[in-house]
């Protein structure tokens, strides 16, 4: 999730990350 936070281009990846992190990436 931290890697995604550093990349604004990974907007669509955020949806996948929050599913894997259990919604923690949404914060």
C-alpha atoms as a PDB file:
ATOM      1  CA  UNK A   1       0.000   0.000   0.000  1.00  0.00           C
ATOM      2  CA  UNK A   2       2.881   2.341   0.785  1.00  0.00           C
ATOM      3  CA  UNK A   3       4.218   1.865  -2.732  1.00  0.00           C
ATOM      4  CA  UNK A   4       0.829   2.856  -4.165  1.00  0.00           C
ATOM      5  CA  UNK A   5       0.681   5.942  -1.974  1.00  0.00           C
ATOM      6  CA  UNK A   6       3.948   7.107  -3.494  1.00  0.00           C
ATOM      7  CA  UNK A   7       2.512   6.675  -6.992  1.00  0.00           C
ATOM      8  CA  UNK A   8      -0.400   8.912  -7.984  1.00  0.00           C
ATOM      9  CA  UNK A   9      -0.498   7.119 -11.329  1.00  0.00           C
ATOM     10  CA  UNK A  10      -1.584   3.924  -9.595  1.00  0.00           C
ATOM     11  CA  UNK A  11      -5.134   5.144  -9.018  1.00  0.00           C
ATOM     12  CA  UNK A  12      -6.681   1.940 -10.358  1.00  0.00           C
ATOM     13  CA  UNK A  13      -4.221  -0.110  -8.322  1.00  0.00           C
ATOM     14  CA  UNK A  14      -5.607   1.546  -5.182  1.00  0.00           C
ATOM     15  CA  UNK A  15      -8.805  -0.461  -5.617  1.00  0.00           C
ATOM     16  CA  UNK A  16      -6.814  -3.683  -5.720  1.00  0.00           C
ATOM     17  CA  UNK A  17      -4.654  -2.664  -2.744  1.00  0.00           C
ATOM     18  CA  UNK A  18      -7.584  -1.812  -0.493  1.00  0.00           C
ATOM     19  CA  UNK A  19      -9.077  -5.221  -1.299  1.00  0.00           C
ATOM     20  CA  UNK A  20      -5.849  -6.940  -0.287  1.00  0.00           C
ATOM     21  CA  UNK A  21      -5.258  -4.722   2.741  1.00  0.00           C
ATOM     22  CA  UNK A  22      -8.861  -5.066   3.842  1.00  0.00           C
ATOM     23  CA  UNK A  23      -9.649  -1.408   3.157  1.00  0.00           C
ATOM     24  CA  UNK A  24      -6.596  -0.047   4.958  1.00  0.00           C
ATOM     25  CA  UNK A  25      -5.339   1.465   1.694  1.00  0.00           C
ATOM     26  CA  UNK A  26      -8.496   3.586   1.602  1.00  0.00           C
ATOM     27  CA  UNK A  27      -7.195   5.717   4.472  1.00  0.00           C
END
